[in-house]
mmCIF file of all heavy atoms, coordinates in Angstrom:
data_MODEL
# 
_entry.id   MODEL 
# 
loop_
_atom_site.group_PDB 
_atom_site.id 
_atom_site.type_symbol 
_atom_site.label_atom_id 
_atom_site.label_alt_id 
_atom_site.label_comp_id 
_atom_site.label_asym_id 
_atom_site.label_entity_id 
_atom_site.label_seq_id 
_atom_site.pdbx_PDB_ins_code 
_atom_site.Cartn_x 
_atom_site.Cartn_y 
_atom_site.Cartn_z 
_atom_site.occupancy 
_atom_site.B_iso_or_equiv 
_atom_site.pdbx_formal_charge 
_atom_site.auth_seq_id 
_atom_site.auth_comp_id 
_atom_site.auth_asym_id 
_atom_site.auth_atom_id 
_atom_site.pdbx_PDB_model_num 
ATOM 1   N N   . ALA A 1 1  ? -24.415 -15.842 -15.769 1.00 0.00 ? 1  ALA A N   1 
ATOM 2   C CA  . ALA A 1 1  ? -24.330 -16.498 -14.460 1.00 0.00 ? 1  ALA A CA  1 
ATOM 3   C C   . ALA A 1 1  ? -25.194 -17.754 -14.431 1.00 0.00 ? 1  ALA A C   1 
ATOM 4   O O   . ALA A 1 1  ? -24.806 -18.779 -13.857 1.00 0.00 ? 1  ALA A O   1 
ATOM 5   C CB  . ALA A 1 1  ? -24.747 -15.532 -13.364 1.00 0.00 ? 1  ALA A CB  1 
ATOM 6   N N   . SER A 1 2  ? -26.356 -17.687 -15.083 1.00 0.00 ? 2  SER A N   1 
ATOM 7   C CA  . SER A 1 2  ? -27.250 -18.848 -15.107 1.00 0.00 ? 2  SER A CA  1 
ATOM 8   C C   . SER A 1 2  ? -26.698 -19.977 -15.974 1.00 0.00 ? 2  SER A C   1 
ATOM 9   O O   . SER A 1 2  ? -27.160 -21.113 -15.899 1.00 0.00 ? 2  SER A O   1 
ATOM 10  C CB  . SER A 1 2  ? -28.629 -18.437 -15.632 1.00 0.00 ? 2  SER A CB  1 
ATOM 11  O OG  . SER A 1 2  ? -28.568 -18.108 -17.011 1.00 0.00 ? 2  SER A OG  1 
ATOM 12  N N   . MET A 1 3  ? -25.698 -19.645 -16.802 1.00 0.00 ? 3  MET A N   1 
ATOM 13  C CA  . MET A 1 3  ? -25.101 -20.643 -17.689 1.00 0.00 ? 3  MET A CA  1 
ATOM 14  C C   . MET A 1 3  ? -23.824 -21.236 -17.106 1.00 0.00 ? 3  MET A C   1 
ATOM 15  O O   . MET A 1 3  ? -23.200 -22.101 -17.723 1.00 0.00 ? 3  MET A O   1 
ATOM 16  C CB  . MET A 1 3  ? -24.790 -20.003 -19.046 1.00 0.00 ? 3  MET A CB  1 
ATOM 17  C CG  . MET A 1 3  ? -25.989 -19.396 -19.740 1.00 0.00 ? 3  MET A CG  1 
ATOM 18  S SD  . MET A 1 3  ? -25.543 -18.591 -21.296 1.00 0.00 ? 3  MET A SD  1 
ATOM 19  C CE  . MET A 1 3  ? -25.038 -20.012 -22.263 1.00 0.00 ? 3  MET A CE  1 
ATOM 20  N N   . GLY A 1 4  ? -23.413 -20.730 -15.931 1.00 0.00 ? 4  GLY A N   1 
ATOM 21  C CA  . GLY A 1 4  ? -22.206 -21.245 -15.324 1.00 0.00 ? 4  GLY A CA  1 
ATOM 22  C C   . GLY A 1 4  ? -20.941 -20.532 -15.765 1.00 0.00 ? 4  GLY A C   1 
ATOM 23  O O   . GLY A 1 4  ? -19.837 -20.972 -15.461 1.00 0.00 ? 4  GLY A O   1 
ATOM 24  N N   . ILE A 1 5  ? -21.090 -19.424 -16.501 1.00 0.00 ? 5  ILE A N   1 
ATOM 25  C CA  . ILE A 1 5  ? -19.940 -18.635 -16.958 1.00 0.00 ? 5  ILE A CA  1 
ATOM 26  C C   . ILE A 1 5  ? -19.677 -17.537 -15.941 1.00 0.00 ? 5  ILE A C   1 
ATOM 27  O O   . ILE A 1 5  ? -20.608 -16.859 -15.498 1.00 0.00 ? 5  ILE A O   1 
ATOM 28  C CB  . ILE A 1 5  ? -20.225 -18.035 -18.348 1.00 0.00 ? 5  ILE A CB  1 
ATOM 29  C CG1 . ILE A 1 5  ? -20.383 -19.159 -19.384 1.00 0.00 ? 5  ILE A CG1 1 
ATOM 30  C CG2 . ILE A 1 5  ? -19.110 -17.079 -18.777 1.00 0.00 ? 5  ILE A CG2 1 
ATOM 31  C CD1 . ILE A 1 5  ? -20.832 -18.682 -20.746 1.00 0.00 ? 5  ILE A CD1 1 
ATOM 32  N N   . PRO A 1 6  ? -18.432 -17.325 -15.532 1.00 0.00 ? 6  PRO A N   1 
ATOM 33  C CA  . PRO A 1 6  ? -18.156 -16.316 -14.511 1.00 0.00 ? 6  PRO A CA  1 
ATOM 34  C C   . PRO A 1 6  ? -18.495 -14.910 -14.983 1.00 0.00 ? 6  PRO A C   1 
ATOM 35  O O   . PRO A 1 6  ? -18.403 -14.603 -16.170 1.00 0.00 ? 6  PRO A O   1 
ATOM 36  C CB  . PRO A 1 6  ? -16.660 -16.462 -14.253 1.00 0.00 ? 6  PRO A CB  1 
ATOM 37  C CG  . PRO A 1 6  ? -16.122 -17.087 -15.500 1.00 0.00 ? 6  PRO A CG  1 
ATOM 38  C CD  . PRO A 1 6  ? -17.211 -18.005 -15.979 1.00 0.00 ? 6  PRO A CD  1 
ATOM 39  N N   . THR A 1 7  ? -18.884 -14.064 -14.037 1.00 0.00 ? 7  THR A N   1 
ATOM 40  C CA  . THR A 1 7  ? -19.138 -12.656 -14.335 1.00 0.00 ? 7  THR A CA  1 
ATOM 41  C C   . THR A 1 7  ? -17.805 -11.915 -14.448 1.00 0.00 ? 7  THR A C   1 
ATOM 42  O O   . THR A 1 7  ? -16.744 -12.448 -14.125 1.00 0.00 ? 7  THR A O   1 
ATOM 43  C CB  . THR A 1 7  ? -19.975 -12.015 -13.225 1.00 0.00 ? 7  THR A CB  1 
ATOM 44  O OG1 . THR A 1 7  ? -19.202 -12.058 -11.997 1.00 0.00 ? 7  THR A OG1 1 
ATOM 45  C CG2 . THR A 1 7  ? -21.289 -12.759 -13.023 1.00 0.00 ? 7  THR A CG2 1 
ATOM 46  N N   . VAL A 1 8  ? -17.876 -10.659 -14.924 1.00 0.00 ? 8  VAL A N   1 
ATOM 47  C CA  . VAL A 1 8  ? -16.683 -9.812  -14.979 1.00 0.00 ? 8  VAL A CA  1 
ATOM 48  C C   . VAL A 1 8  ? -16.015 -9.754  -13.610 1.00 0.00 ? 8  VAL A C   1 
ATOM 49  O O   . VAL A 1 8  ? -14.790 -9.887  -13.484 1.00 0.00 ? 8  VAL A O   1 
ATOM 50  C CB  . VAL A 1 8  ? -17.042 -8.384  -15.453 1.00 0.00 ? 8  VAL A CB  1 
ATOM 51  C CG1 . VAL A 1 8  ? -15.893 -7.425  -15.188 1.00 0.00 ? 8  VAL A CG1 1 
ATOM 52  C CG2 . VAL A 1 8  ? -17.401 -8.380  -16.923 1.00 0.00 ? 8  VAL A CG2 1 
ATOM 53  N N   . GLU A 1 9  ? -16.823 -9.552  -12.579 1.00 0.00 ? 9  GLU A N   1 
ATOM 54  C CA  . GLU A 1 9  ? -16.284 -9.416  -11.231 1.00 0.00 ? 9  GLU A CA  1 
ATOM 55  C C   . GLU A 1 9  ? -15.610 -10.709 -10.768 1.00 0.00 ? 9  GLU A C   1 
ATOM 56  O O   . GLU A 1 9  ? -14.517 -10.673 -10.186 1.00 0.00 ? 9  GLU A O   1 
ATOM 57  C CB  . GLU A 1 9  ? -17.402 -9.023  -10.263 1.00 0.00 ? 9  GLU A CB  1 
ATOM 58  C CG  . GLU A 1 9  ? -17.996 -7.641  -10.491 1.00 0.00 ? 9  GLU A CG  1 
ATOM 59  C CD  . GLU A 1 9  ? -18.950 -7.576  -11.683 1.00 0.00 ? 9  GLU A CD  1 
ATOM 60  O OE1 . GLU A 1 9  ? -19.404 -8.658  -12.151 1.00 0.00 ? 9  GLU A OE1 1 
ATOM 61  O OE2 . GLU A 1 9  ? -19.223 -6.458  -12.163 1.00 0.00 ? 9  GLU A OE2 1 
ATOM 62  N N   . GLU A 1 10 ? -16.232 -11.837 -11.033 1.00 0.00 ? 10 GLU A N   1 
ATOM 63  C CA  . GLU A 1 10 ? -15.662 -13.120 -10.612 1.00 0.00 ? 10 GLU A CA  1 
ATOM 64  C C   . GLU A 1 10 ? -14.370 -13.429 -11.366 1.00 0.00 ? 10 GLU A C   1 
ATOM 65  O O   . GLU A 1 10 ? -13.388 -13.895 -10.782 1.00 0.00 ? 10 GLU A O   1 
ATOM 66  C CB  . GLU A 1 10 ? -16.687 -14.232 -10.843 1.00 0.00 ? 10 GLU A CB  1 
ATOM 67  C CG  . GLU A 1 10 ? -17.886 -14.164 -9.904  1.00 0.00 ? 10 GLU A CG  1 
ATOM 68  C CD  . GLU A 1 10 ? -19.016 -15.081 -10.324 1.00 0.00 ? 10 GLU A CD  1 
ATOM 69  O OE1 . GLU A 1 10 ? -19.083 -15.459 -11.525 1.00 0.00 ? 10 GLU A OE1 1 
ATOM 70  O OE2 . GLU A 1 10 ? -19.851 -15.420 -9.462  1.00 0.00 ? 10 GLU A OE2 1 
ATOM 71  N N   . TYR A 1 11 ? -14.379 -13.172 -12.667 1.00 0.00 ? 11 TYR A N   1 
ATOM 72  C CA  . TYR A 1 11 ? -13.195 -13.458 -13.483 1.00 0.00 ? 11 TYR A CA  1 
ATOM 73  C C   . TYR A 1 11 ? -12.035 -12.547 -13.081 1.00 0.00 ? 11 TYR A C   1 
ATOM 74  O O   . TYR A 1 11 ? -10.888 -12.980 -13.001 1.00 0.00 ? 11 TYR A O   1 
ATOM 75  C CB  . TYR A 1 11 ? -13.535 -13.284 -14.959 1.00 0.00 ? 11 TYR A CB  1 
ATOM 76  C CG  . TYR A 1 11 ? -12.587 -14.016 -15.893 1.00 0.00 ? 11 TYR A CG  1 
ATOM 77  C CD1 . TYR A 1 11 ? -12.647 -15.397 -16.033 1.00 0.00 ? 11 TYR A CD1 1 
ATOM 78  C CD2 . TYR A 1 11 ? -11.644 -13.317 -16.639 1.00 0.00 ? 11 TYR A CD2 1 
ATOM 79  C CE1 . TYR A 1 11 ? -11.795 -16.072 -16.887 1.00 0.00 ? 11 TYR A CE1 1 
ATOM 80  C CE2 . TYR A 1 11 ? -10.773 -13.980 -17.498 1.00 0.00 ? 11 TYR A CE2 1 
ATOM 81  C CZ  . TYR A 1 11 ? -10.860 -15.353 -17.617 1.00 0.00 ? 11 TYR A CZ  1 
ATOM 82  O OH  . TYR A 1 11 ? -10.002 -16.027 -18.469 1.00 0.00 ? 11 TYR A OH  1 
ATOM 83  N N   . THR A 1 12 ? -12.359 -11.282 -12.815 1.00 0.00 ? 12 THR A N   1 
ATOM 84  C CA  . THR A 1 12 ? -11.331 -10.324 -12.404 1.00 0.00 ? 12 THR A CA  1 
ATOM 85  C C   . THR A 1 12 ? -10.765 -10.688 -11.036 1.00 0.00 ? 12 THR A C   1 
ATOM 86  O O   . THR A 1 12 ? -9.547  -10.626 -10.807 1.00 0.00 ? 12 THR A O   1 
ATOM 87  C CB  . THR A 1 12 ? -11.913 -8.903  -12.376 1.00 0.00 ? 12 THR A CB  1 
ATOM 88  O OG1 . THR A 1 12 ? -12.386 -8.560  -13.679 1.00 0.00 ? 12 THR A OG1 1 
ATOM 89  C CG2 . THR A 1 12 ? -10.858 -7.890  -11.947 1.00 0.00 ? 12 THR A CG2 1 
ATOM 90  N N   . GLU A 1 13 ? -11.639 -11.075 -10.098 1.00 0.00 ? 13 GLU A N   1 
ATOM 91  C CA  . GLU A 1 13 ? -11.183 -11.454 -8.757  1.00 0.00 ? 13 GLU A CA  1 
ATOM 92  C C   . GLU A 1 13 ? -10.240 -12.644 -8.824  1.00 0.00 ? 13 GLU A C   1 
ATOM 93  O O   . GLU A 1 13 ? -9.220  -12.677 -8.127  1.00 0.00 ? 13 GLU A O   1 
ATOM 94  C CB  . GLU A 1 13 ? -12.389 -11.785 -7.877  1.00 0.00 ? 13 GLU A CB  1 
ATOM 95  C CG  . GLU A 1 13 ? -12.042 -12.003 -6.408  1.00 0.00 ? 13 GLU A CG  1 
ATOM 96  C CD  . GLU A 1 13 ? -11.469 -13.382 -6.097  1.00 0.00 ? 13 GLU A CD  1 
ATOM 97  O OE1 . GLU A 1 13 ? -11.868 -14.352 -6.791  1.00 0.00 ? 13 GLU A OE1 1 
ATOM 98  O OE2 . GLU A 1 13 ? -10.627 -13.493 -5.184  1.00 0.00 ? 13 GLU A OE2 1 
ATOM 99  N N   . ALA A 1 14 ? -10.545 -13.622 -9.679  1.00 0.00 ? 14 ALA A N   1 
ATOM 100 C CA  . ALA A 1 14 ? -9.694  -14.806 -9.794  1.00 0.00 ? 14 ALA A CA  1 
ATOM 101 C C   . ALA A 1 14 ? -8.313  -14.432 -10.340 1.00 0.00 ? 14 ALA A C   1 
ATOM 102 O O   . ALA A 1 14 ? -7.284  -14.918 -9.855  1.00 0.00 ? 14 ALA A O   1 
ATOM 103 C CB  . ALA A 1 14 ? -10.351 -15.845 -10.694 1.00 0.00 ? 14 ALA A CB  1 
ATOM 104 N N   . TYR A 1 15 ? -8.279  -13.547 -11.331 1.00 0.00 ? 15 TYR A N   1 
ATOM 105 C CA  . TYR A 1 15 ? -6.999  -13.120 -11.891 1.00 0.00 ? 15 TYR A CA  1 
ATOM 106 C C   . TYR A 1 15 ? -6.202  -12.311 -10.861 1.00 0.00 ? 15 TYR A C   1 
ATOM 107 O O   . TYR A 1 15 ? -4.988  -12.511 -10.714 1.00 0.00 ? 15 TYR A O   1 
ATOM 108 C CB  . TYR A 1 15 ? -7.227  -12.291 -13.152 1.00 0.00 ? 15 TYR A CB  1 
ATOM 109 C CG  . TYR A 1 15 ? -5.947  -11.728 -13.743 1.00 0.00 ? 15 TYR A CG  1 
ATOM 110 C CD1 . TYR A 1 15 ? -5.124  -12.522 -14.534 1.00 0.00 ? 15 TYR A CD1 1 
ATOM 111 C CD2 . TYR A 1 15 ? -5.563  -10.412 -13.491 1.00 0.00 ? 15 TYR A CD2 1 
ATOM 112 C CE1 . TYR A 1 15 ? -3.940  -12.016 -15.060 1.00 0.00 ? 15 TYR A CE1 1 
ATOM 113 C CE2 . TYR A 1 15 ? -4.384  -9.898  -14.018 1.00 0.00 ? 15 TYR A CE2 1 
ATOM 114 C CZ  . TYR A 1 15 ? -3.578  -10.699 -14.805 1.00 0.00 ? 15 TYR A CZ  1 
ATOM 115 O OH  . TYR A 1 15 ? -2.411  -10.193 -15.316 1.00 0.00 ? 15 TYR A OH  1 
ATOM 116 N N   . CYS A 1 16 ? -6.871  -11.422 -10.156 1.00 0.00 ? 16 CYS A N   1 
ATOM 117 C CA  . CYS A 1 16 ? -6.180  -10.622 -9.138  1.00 0.00 ? 16 CYS A CA  1 
ATOM 118 C C   . CYS A 1 16 ? -5.605  -11.514 -8.038  1.00 0.00 ? 16 CYS A C   1 
ATOM 119 O O   . CYS A 1 16 ? -4.472  -11.299 -7.575  1.00 0.00 ? 16 CYS A O   1 
ATOM 120 C CB  . CYS A 1 16 ? -7.127  -9.592  -8.540  1.00 0.00 ? 16 CYS A CB  1 
ATOM 121 S SG  . CYS A 1 16 ? -7.525  -8.210  -9.644  1.00 0.00 ? 16 CYS A SG  1 
ATOM 122 N N   . ARG A 1 17 ? -6.362  -12.514 -7.636  1.00 0.00 ? 17 ARG A N   1 
ATOM 123 C CA  . ARG A 1 17 ? -5.873  -13.441 -6.603  1.00 0.00 ? 17 ARG A CA  1 
ATOM 124 C C   . ARG A 1 17 ? -4.628  -14.167 -7.091  1.00 0.00 ? 17 ARG A C   1 
ATOM 125 O O   . ARG A 1 17 ? -3.650  -14.310 -6.356  1.00 0.00 ? 17 ARG A O   1 
ATOM 126 C CB  . ARG A 1 17 ? -6.984  -14.428 -6.253  1.00 0.00 ? 17 ARG A CB  1 
ATOM 127 C CG  . ARG A 1 17 ? -6.559  -15.582 -5.349  1.00 0.00 ? 17 ARG A CG  1 
ATOM 128 C CD  . ARG A 1 17 ? -7.751  -16.388 -4.870  1.00 0.00 ? 17 ARG A CD  1 
ATOM 129 N NE  . ARG A 1 17 ? -8.724  -16.650 -5.914  1.00 0.00 ? 17 ARG A NE  1 
ATOM 130 C CZ  . ARG A 1 17 ? -8.605  -17.615 -6.835  1.00 0.00 ? 17 ARG A CZ  1 
ATOM 131 N NH1 . ARG A 1 17 ? -7.528  -18.401 -6.829  1.00 0.00 ? 17 ARG A NH1 1 
ATOM 132 N NH2 . ARG A 1 17 ? -9.549  -17.815 -7.737  1.00 0.00 ? 17 ARG A NH2 1 
ATOM 133 N N   . ARG A 1 18 ? -4.655  -14.602 -8.339  1.00 0.00 ? 18 ARG A N   1 
ATOM 134 C CA  . ARG A 1 18 ? -3.524  -15.367 -8.880  1.00 0.00 ? 18 ARG A CA  1 
ATOM 135 C C   . ARG A 1 18 ? -2.295  -14.500 -9.138  1.00 0.00 ? 18 ARG A C   1 
ATOM 136 O O   . ARG A 1 18 ? -1.174  -15.005 -9.159  1.00 0.00 ? 18 ARG A O   1 
ATOM 137 C CB  . ARG A 1 18 ? -3.956  -16.068 -10.167 1.00 0.00 ? 18 ARG A CB  1 
ATOM 138 C CG  . ARG A 1 18 ? -4.905  -17.231 -9.931  1.00 0.00 ? 18 ARG A CG  1 
ATOM 139 C CD  . ARG A 1 18 ? -5.339  -17.893 -11.216 1.00 0.00 ? 18 ARG A CD  1 
ATOM 140 N NE  . ARG A 1 18 ? -5.979  -19.176 -10.934 1.00 0.00 ? 18 ARG A NE  1 
ATOM 141 C CZ  . ARG A 1 18 ? -7.200  -19.510 -11.341 1.00 0.00 ? 18 ARG A CZ  1 
ATOM 142 N NH1 . ARG A 1 18 ? -7.929  -18.648 -12.061 1.00 0.00 ? 18 ARG A NH1 1 
ATOM 143 N NH2 . ARG A 1 18 ? -7.705  -20.688 -11.028 1.00 0.00 ? 18 ARG A NH2 1 
ATOM 144 N N   . THR A 1 19 ? -2.500  -13.209 -9.365  1.00 0.00 ? 19 THR A N   1 
ATOM 145 C CA  . THR A 1 19 ? -1.370  -12.323 -9.671  1.00 0.00 ? 19 THR A CA  1 
ATOM 146 C C   . THR A 1 19 ? -1.066  -11.356 -8.527  1.00 0.00 ? 19 THR A C   1 
ATOM 147 O O   . THR A 1 19 ? -0.300  -10.411 -8.704  1.00 0.00 ? 19 THR A O   1 
ATOM 148 C CB  . THR A 1 19 ? -1.646  -11.529 -10.972 1.00 0.00 ? 19 THR A CB  1 
ATOM 149 O OG1 . THR A 1 19 ? -2.876  -10.804 -10.830 1.00 0.00 ? 19 THR A OG1 1 
ATOM 150 C CG2 . THR A 1 19 ? -1.732  -12.464 -12.161 1.00 0.00 ? 19 THR A CG2 1 
ATOM 151 N N   . HIS A 1 20 ? -1.685  -11.605 -7.385  1.00 0.00 ? 20 HIS A N   1 
ATOM 152 C CA  . HIS A 1 20 ? -1.400  -10.847 -6.156  1.00 0.00 ? 20 HIS A CA  1 
ATOM 153 C C   . HIS A 1 20 ? -1.680  -9.349  -6.335  1.00 0.00 ? 20 HIS A C   1 
ATOM 154 O O   . HIS A 1 20 ? -0.843  -8.501  -6.045  1.00 0.00 ? 20 HIS A O   1 
ATOM 155 C CB  . HIS A 1 20 ? 0.041   -11.086 -5.708  1.00 0.00 ? 20 HIS A CB  1 
ATOM 156 C CG  . HIS A 1 20 ? 0.409   -12.543 -5.642  1.00 0.00 ? 20 HIS A CG  1 
ATOM 157 N ND1 . HIS A 1 20 ? -0.120  -13.404 -4.702  1.00 0.00 ? 20 HIS A ND1 1 
ATOM 158 C CD2 . HIS A 1 20 ? 1.234   -13.294 -6.420  1.00 0.00 ? 20 HIS A CD2 1 
ATOM 159 C CE1 . HIS A 1 20 ? 0.368   -14.618 -4.896  1.00 0.00 ? 20 HIS A CE1 1 
ATOM 160 N NE2 . HIS A 1 20 ? 1.180   -14.580 -5.929  1.00 0.00 ? 20 HIS A NE2 1 
ATOM 161 N N   . ARG A 1 21 ? -2.895  -9.050  -6.796  1.00 0.00 ? 21 ARG A N   1 
ATOM 162 C CA  . ARG A 1 21 ? -3.360  -7.663  -6.925  1.00 0.00 ? 21 ARG A CA  1 
ATOM 163 C C   . ARG A 1 21 ? -4.576  -7.471  -6.029  1.00 0.00 ? 21 ARG A C   1 
ATOM 164 O O   . ARG A 1 21 ? -5.343  -8.407  -5.801  1.00 0.00 ? 21 ARG A O   1 
ATOM 165 C CB  . ARG A 1 21 ? -3.781  -7.349  -8.364  1.00 0.00 ? 21 ARG A CB  1 
ATOM 166 C CG  . ARG A 1 21 ? -2.664  -7.437  -9.385  1.00 0.00 ? 21 ARG A CG  1 
ATOM 167 C CD  . ARG A 1 21 ? -3.214  -7.186  -10.783 1.00 0.00 ? 21 ARG A CD  1 
ATOM 168 N NE  . ARG A 1 21 ? -2.186  -7.284  -11.797 1.00 0.00 ? 21 ARG A NE  1 
ATOM 169 C CZ  . ARG A 1 21 ? -1.389  -6.297  -12.160 1.00 0.00 ? 21 ARG A CZ  1 
ATOM 170 N NH1 . ARG A 1 21 ? -1.522  -5.115  -11.577 1.00 0.00 ? 21 ARG A NH1 1 
ATOM 171 N NH2 . ARG A 1 21 ? -0.476  -6.463  -13.092 1.00 0.00 ? 21 ARG A NH2 1 
ATOM 172 N N   . ASP A 1 22 ? -4.776  -6.263  -5.590  1.00 0.00 ? 22 ASP A N   1 
ATOM 173 C CA  . ASP A 1 22 ? -5.974  -5.952  -4.819  1.00 0.00 ? 22 ASP A CA  1 
ATOM 174 C C   . ASP A 1 22 ? -7.182  -5.775  -5.740  1.00 0.00 ? 22 ASP A C   1 
ATOM 175 O O   . ASP A 1 22 ? -8.288  -6.228  -5.427  1.00 0.00 ? 22 ASP A O   1 
ATOM 176 C CB  . ASP A 1 22 ? -5.769  -4.685  -3.989  1.00 0.00 ? 22 ASP A CB  1 
ATOM 177 C CG  . ASP A 1 22 ? -4.722  -4.874  -2.899  1.00 0.00 ? 22 ASP A CG  1 
ATOM 178 O OD1 . ASP A 1 22 ? -4.602  -6.018  -2.399  1.00 0.00 ? 22 ASP A OD1 1 
ATOM 179 O OD2 . ASP A 1 22 ? -4.029  -3.906  -2.579  1.00 0.00 ? 22 ASP A OD2 1 
ATOM 180 N N   . SER A 1 23 ? -6.968  -5.101  -6.869  1.00 0.00 ? 23 SER A N   1 
ATOM 181 C CA  . SER A 1 23 ? -8.056  -4.830  -7.804  1.00 0.00 ? 23 SER A CA  1 
ATOM 182 C C   . SER A 1 23 ? -7.457  -4.287  -9.092  1.00 0.00 ? 23 SER A C   1 
ATOM 183 O O   . SER A 1 23 ? -6.241  -4.078  -9.183  1.00 0.00 ? 23 SER A O   1 
ATOM 184 C CB  . SER A 1 23 ? -9.041  -3.808  -7.220  1.00 0.00 ? 23 SER A CB  1 
ATOM 185 O OG  . SER A 1 23 ? -8.378  -2.563  -7.021  1.00 0.00 ? 23 SER A OG  1 
ATOM 186 N N   . ILE A 1 24 ? -8.330  -4.059  -10.078 1.00 0.00 ? 24 ILE A N   1 
ATOM 187 C CA  . ILE A 1 24 ? -7.908  -3.429  -11.334 1.00 0.00 ? 24 ILE A CA  1 
ATOM 188 C C   . ILE A 1 24 ? -8.744  -2.168  -11.513 1.00 0.00 ? 24 ILE A C   1 
ATOM 189 O O   . ILE A 1 24 ? -9.944  -2.238  -11.797 1.00 0.00 ? 24 ILE A O   1 
ATOM 190 C CB  . ILE A 1 24 ? -8.102  -4.364  -12.538 1.00 0.00 ? 24 ILE A CB  1 
ATOM 191 C CG1 . ILE A 1 24 ? -7.274  -5.638  -12.344 1.00 0.00 ? 24 ILE A CG1 1 
ATOM 192 C CG2 . ILE A 1 24 ? -7.682  -3.657  -13.837 1.00 0.00 ? 24 ILE A CG2 1 
ATOM 193 C CD1 . ILE A 1 24 ? -7.452  -6.660  -13.436 1.00 0.00 ? 24 ILE A CD1 1 
# 
């Protein structure tokens, strides 16, 4: 996070938003 790389949660949320999922 301090390096500007997304966390697991952030990366997963972005994919779910783009693929119309609530969660994995």
